[in-house]
Amino acid sequence: MTETVTITGKDLKQLVEMRFWEIEDALEELVKKAELKLDKNGNDKHLIQIYDHTASLTTITCHETGCNIHWGSGTPSNIKKIVLDILDGE
């Protein structure tokens, strides 16, 4: 049985920031830009956006129980692997 862990508030914000910095560093030469938008409304939903050179936008929405990824239509497989490895804690 898989157990769901809930992370909220300041702890979630810090975790998302750390993952963003890892993603930003790992993709520095591979993407045009990576942005972090932290929730300021107390909803514990944070957004990471990655703009790659294929003009695709990947969005990662992070919340209390994990992250949801919406890949851009042309996001290269090497970028996907890097992002997934970081989000999985590898």
N, C-alpha and C. Protein backbone atom coordinates (compact mmCIF):
# COMPACT_ATOMS: atom_id res chain seq x y z
N MET A 1 0.84 -1.18 0.00
CA MET A 1 0.00 0.00 0.00
C MET A 1 0.89 1.25 0.00
N THR A 2 0.57 2.19 -0.85
CA THR A 2 1.33 3.43 -0.94
C THR A 2 0.75 4.45 0.03
N GLU A 3 1.64 5.08 0.76
CA GLU A 3 1.22 6.09 1.71
C GLU A 3 1.42 7.47 1.11
N THR A 4 0.42 8.33 1.25
CA THR A 4 0.51 9.69 0.74
C THR A 4 1.00 10.60 1.86
N VAL A 5 2.03 11.38 1.56
CA VAL A 5 2.57 12.32 2.52
C VAL A 5 2.13 13.71 2.10
N THR A 6 1.64 14.49 3.05
CA THR A 6 1.20 15.85 2.77
C THR A 6 2.24 16.83 3.28
N ILE A 7 2.66 17.74 2.41
CA ILE A 7 3.60 18.81 2.77
C ILE A 7 2.90 20.12 2.47
N THR A 8 2.88 21.02 3.43
CA THR A 8 2.15 22.28 3.25
C THR A 8 2.99 23.48 3.68
N GLY A 9 2.44 24.65 3.40
CA GLY A 9 2.99 25.91 3.89
C GLY A 9 4.44 26.15 3.52
N LYS A 10 5.20 26.59 4.51
CA LYS A 10 6.61 26.96 4.33
C LYS A 10 7.44 25.77 3.85
N ASP A 11 7.15 24.57 4.36
CA ASP A 11 7.91 23.39 3.96
C ASP A 11 7.70 23.07 2.48
N LEU A 12 6.47 23.18 2.00
CA LEU A 12 6.19 22.95 0.58
C LEU A 12 6.89 24.00 -0.28
N LYS A 13 6.81 25.24 0.14
CA LYS A 13 7.46 26.32 -0.60
C LYS A 13 8.96 26.07 -0.72
N GLN A 14 9.60 25.68 0.36
CA GLN A 14 11.04 25.41 0.33
C GLN A 14 11.38 24.23 -0.56
N LEU A 15 10.56 23.18 -0.51
CA LEU A 15 10.80 22.01 -1.36
C LEU A 15 10.67 22.37 -2.83
N VAL A 16 9.63 23.12 -3.18
CA VAL A 16 9.43 23.52 -4.57
C VAL A 16 10.58 24.41 -5.04
N GLU A 17 11.01 25.33 -4.19
CA GLU A 17 12.14 26.20 -4.55
C GLU A 17 13.39 25.37 -4.81
N MET A 18 13.68 24.39 -3.95
CA MET A 18 14.87 23.55 -4.14
C MET A 18 14.78 22.76 -5.44
N ARG A 19 13.62 22.19 -5.72
CA ARG A 19 13.45 21.43 -6.96
C ARG A 19 13.59 22.35 -8.18
N PHE A 20 13.03 23.56 -8.09
CA PHE A 20 13.16 24.52 -9.18
C PHE A 20 14.62 24.85 -9.45
N TRP A 21 15.39 25.13 -8.40
CA TRP A 21 16.80 25.47 -8.59
C TRP A 21 17.56 24.31 -9.23
N GLU A 22 17.23 23.07 -8.82
CA GLU A 22 17.87 21.90 -9.43
C GLU A 22 17.52 21.81 -10.92
N ILE A 23 16.23 21.99 -11.23
CA ILE A 23 15.78 21.95 -12.63
C ILE A 23 16.44 23.06 -13.43
N GLU A 24 16.46 24.26 -12.89
CA GLU A 24 17.04 25.41 -13.58
C GLU A 24 18.52 25.16 -13.88
N ASP A 25 19.26 24.66 -12.91
CA ASP A 25 20.68 24.38 -13.11
C ASP A 25 20.90 23.28 -14.14
N ALA A 26 20.11 22.22 -14.04
CA ALA A 26 20.29 21.07 -14.93
C ALA A 26 19.93 21.40 -16.39
N LEU A 27 18.98 22.31 -16.58
CA LEU A 27 18.50 22.62 -17.92
C LEU A 27 19.07 23.93 -18.48
N GLU A 28 20.01 24.51 -17.79
CA GLU A 28 20.53 25.84 -18.15
C GLU A 28 20.85 26.00 -19.63
N GLU A 29 21.52 25.04 -20.21
CA GLU A 29 21.92 25.14 -21.62
C GLU A 29 20.86 24.57 -22.57
N LEU A 30 19.84 23.92 -22.04
CA LEU A 30 18.88 23.21 -22.88
C LEU A 30 17.57 23.95 -23.12
N VAL A 31 17.31 24.98 -22.34
CA VAL A 31 16.03 25.69 -22.46
C VAL A 31 16.25 27.19 -22.57
N LYS A 32 15.21 27.88 -23.05
CA LYS A 32 15.27 29.33 -23.14
C LYS A 32 15.14 29.97 -21.76
N LYS A 33 14.18 29.45 -20.98
CA LYS A 33 13.92 30.07 -19.69
C LYS A 33 13.16 29.11 -18.79
N ALA A 34 13.41 29.21 -17.50
CA ALA A 34 12.63 28.49 -16.50
C ALA A 34 12.17 29.52 -15.47
N GLU A 35 10.91 29.43 -15.08
CA GLU A 35 10.34 30.40 -14.13
C GLU A 35 9.67 29.67 -12.97
N LEU A 36 9.71 30.31 -11.82
CA LEU A 36 9.03 29.81 -10.64
C LEU A 36 8.02 30.85 -10.20
N LYS A 37 6.77 30.43 -10.04
CA LYS A 37 5.73 31.32 -9.54
C LYS A 37 5.18 30.72 -8.26
N LEU A 38 5.55 31.33 -7.14
CA LEU A 38 5.11 30.84 -5.84
C LEU A 38 3.73 31.39 -5.51
N ASP A 39 2.91 30.56 -4.91
CA ASP A 39 1.57 30.95 -4.51
C ASP A 39 1.65 32.02 -3.42
N LYS A 40 0.91 33.08 -3.61
CA LYS A 40 0.88 34.16 -2.63
C LYS A 40 -0.49 34.28 -1.97
N ASN A 41 -1.39 33.33 -2.30
CA ASN A 41 -2.75 33.39 -1.78
C ASN A 41 -3.03 32.37 -0.69
N GLY A 42 -2.02 31.63 -0.26
CA GLY A 42 -2.21 30.65 0.79
C GLY A 42 -2.85 29.36 0.32
N ASN A 43 -2.85 29.11 -1.00
CA ASN A 43 -3.49 27.90 -1.54
C ASN A 43 -2.53 26.72 -1.67
N ASP A 44 -1.25 26.92 -1.36
CA ASP A 44 -0.24 25.87 -1.47
C ASP A 44 -0.19 25.25 -2.87
N LYS A 45 -0.29 26.08 -3.90
CA LYS A 45 -0.10 25.63 -5.28
C LYS A 45 0.96 26.52 -5.91
N HIS A 46 2.05 25.89 -6.32
CA HIS A 46 3.18 26.60 -6.89
C HIS A 46 3.39 26.11 -8.32
N LEU A 47 3.91 26.97 -9.17
CA LEU A 47 4.02 26.67 -10.60
C LEU A 47 5.46 26.85 -11.08
N ILE A 48 5.95 25.84 -11.78
CA ILE A 48 7.23 25.91 -12.47
C ILE A 48 6.92 25.85 -13.96
N GLN A 49 7.46 26.80 -14.72
CA GLN A 49 7.25 26.83 -16.17
C GLN A 49 8.61 26.74 -16.86
N ILE A 50 8.67 25.90 -17.89
CA ILE A 50 9.91 25.68 -18.63
C ILE A 50 9.62 25.95 -20.11
N TYR A 51 10.34 26.91 -20.67
CA TYR A 51 10.23 27.26 -22.09
C TYR A 51 11.44 26.68 -22.81
N ASP A 52 11.21 25.69 -23.67
CA ASP A 52 12.35 25.09 -24.36
C ASP A 52 12.52 25.69 -25.76
N HIS A 53 13.54 25.23 -26.46
CA HIS A 53 13.88 25.79 -27.77
C HIS A 53 12.96 25.34 -28.89
N THR A 54 12.02 24.43 -28.61
CA THR A 54 11.05 24.01 -29.62
C THR A 54 9.79 24.86 -29.53
N ALA A 55 9.83 25.90 -28.72
CA ALA A 55 8.69 26.78 -28.48
C ALA A 55 7.58 26.08 -27.71
N SER A 56 7.93 25.02 -26.98
CA SER A 56 6.97 24.31 -26.13
C SER A 56 7.07 24.84 -24.70
N LEU A 57 5.94 24.84 -24.03
CA LEU A 57 5.88 25.25 -22.64
C LEU A 57 5.49 24.05 -21.80
N THR A 58 6.34 23.70 -20.85
CA THR A 58 6.03 22.65 -19.88
C THR A 58 5.66 23.33 -18.58
N THR A 59 4.56 22.91 -17.98
CA THR A 59 4.15 23.46 -16.69
C THR A 59 4.13 22.34 -15.65
N ILE A 60 4.63 22.67 -14.48
CA ILE A 60 4.63 21.74 -13.36
C ILE A 60 3.91 22.45 -12.21
N THR A 61 2.77 21.90 -11.82
CA THR A 61 2.01 22.46 -10.71
C THR A 61 2.29 21.60 -9.49
N CYS A 62 2.82 22.22 -8.44
CA CYS A 62 3.15 21.51 -7.21
C CYS A 62 2.17 21.89 -6.12
N HIS A 63 1.69 20.88 -5.39
CA HIS A 63 0.73 21.11 -4.32
C HIS A 63 1.05 20.17 -3.17
N GLU A 64 0.15 20.05 -2.21
CA GLU A 64 0.40 19.32 -0.97
C GLU A 64 0.83 17.87 -1.14
N THR A 65 0.33 17.19 -2.15
CA THR A 65 0.61 15.75 -2.27
C THR A 65 1.45 15.39 -3.50
N GLY A 66 2.02 16.36 -4.18
CA GLY A 66 2.88 16.05 -5.30
C GLY A 66 2.86 17.10 -6.39
N CYS A 67 3.31 16.70 -7.55
CA CYS A 67 3.39 17.61 -8.70
C CYS A 67 2.70 16.98 -9.90
N ASN A 68 2.01 17.81 -10.66
CA ASN A 68 1.40 17.41 -11.93
C ASN A 68 2.17 18.09 -13.04
N ILE A 69 2.54 17.31 -14.05
CA ILE A 69 3.33 17.83 -15.16
C ILE A 69 2.46 17.85 -16.42
N HIS A 70 2.47 18.98 -17.10
CA HIS A 70 1.84 19.06 -18.42
C HIS A 70 2.96 19.40 -19.41
N TRP A 71 3.34 18.39 -20.19
CA TRP A 71 4.44 18.55 -21.13
C TRP A 71 4.00 19.36 -22.34
N GLY A 72 4.91 20.19 -22.83
CA GLY A 72 4.67 20.88 -24.09
C GLY A 72 4.66 19.87 -25.22
N SER A 73 4.00 20.19 -26.31
CA SER A 73 3.83 19.24 -27.42
C SER A 73 5.15 18.81 -28.04
N GLY A 74 6.16 19.66 -27.98
CA GLY A 74 7.44 19.33 -28.60
C GLY A 74 8.57 19.18 -27.61
N THR A 75 8.27 19.05 -26.33
CA THR A 75 9.33 18.95 -25.32
C THR A 75 10.21 17.74 -25.59
N PRO A 76 11.51 17.95 -25.76
CA PRO A 76 12.43 16.84 -26.05
C PRO A 76 12.50 15.82 -24.91
N SER A 77 12.74 14.57 -25.26
CA SER A 77 12.77 13.49 -24.27
C SER A 77 13.88 13.68 -23.23
N ASN A 78 15.02 14.27 -23.62
CA ASN A 78 16.09 14.47 -22.65
C ASN A 78 15.68 15.46 -21.56
N ILE A 79 14.91 16.48 -21.92
CA ILE A 79 14.42 17.43 -20.92
C ILE A 79 13.41 16.74 -20.01
N LYS A 80 12.53 15.93 -20.58
CA LYS A 80 11.56 15.19 -19.77
C LYS A 80 12.26 14.31 -18.75
N LYS A 81 13.29 13.58 -19.19
CA LYS A 81 14.01 12.68 -18.29
C LYS A 81 14.66 13.45 -17.15
N ILE A 82 15.30 14.56 -17.45
CA ILE A 82 15.95 15.36 -16.41
C ILE A 82 14.93 15.84 -15.38
N VAL A 83 13.81 16.39 -15.86
CA VAL A 83 12.79 16.89 -14.96
C VAL A 83 12.22 15.77 -14.09
N LEU A 84 11.88 14.65 -14.71
CA LEU A 84 11.32 13.52 -13.96
C LEU A 84 12.31 12.99 -12.92
N ASP A 85 13.58 12.89 -13.28
CA ASP A 85 14.60 12.43 -12.33
C ASP A 85 14.70 13.37 -11.13
N ILE A 86 14.66 14.66 -11.37
CA ILE A 86 14.76 15.64 -10.27
C ILE A 86 13.52 15.56 -9.39
N LEU A 87 12.35 15.52 -9.99
CA LEU A 87 11.12 15.47 -9.20
C LEU A 87 11.00 14.16 -8.43
N ASP A 88 11.61 13.09 -8.95
CA ASP A 88 11.60 11.81 -8.25
C ASP A 88 12.69 11.74 -7.18
N GLY A 89 13.51 12.79 -7.09
CA GLY A 89 14.54 12.83 -6.06
C GLY A 89 15.82 12.12 -6.41
N GLU A 90 16.04 11.87 -7.69
CA GLU A 90 17.26 11.18 -8.12
C GLU A 90 18.39 12.13 -8.36
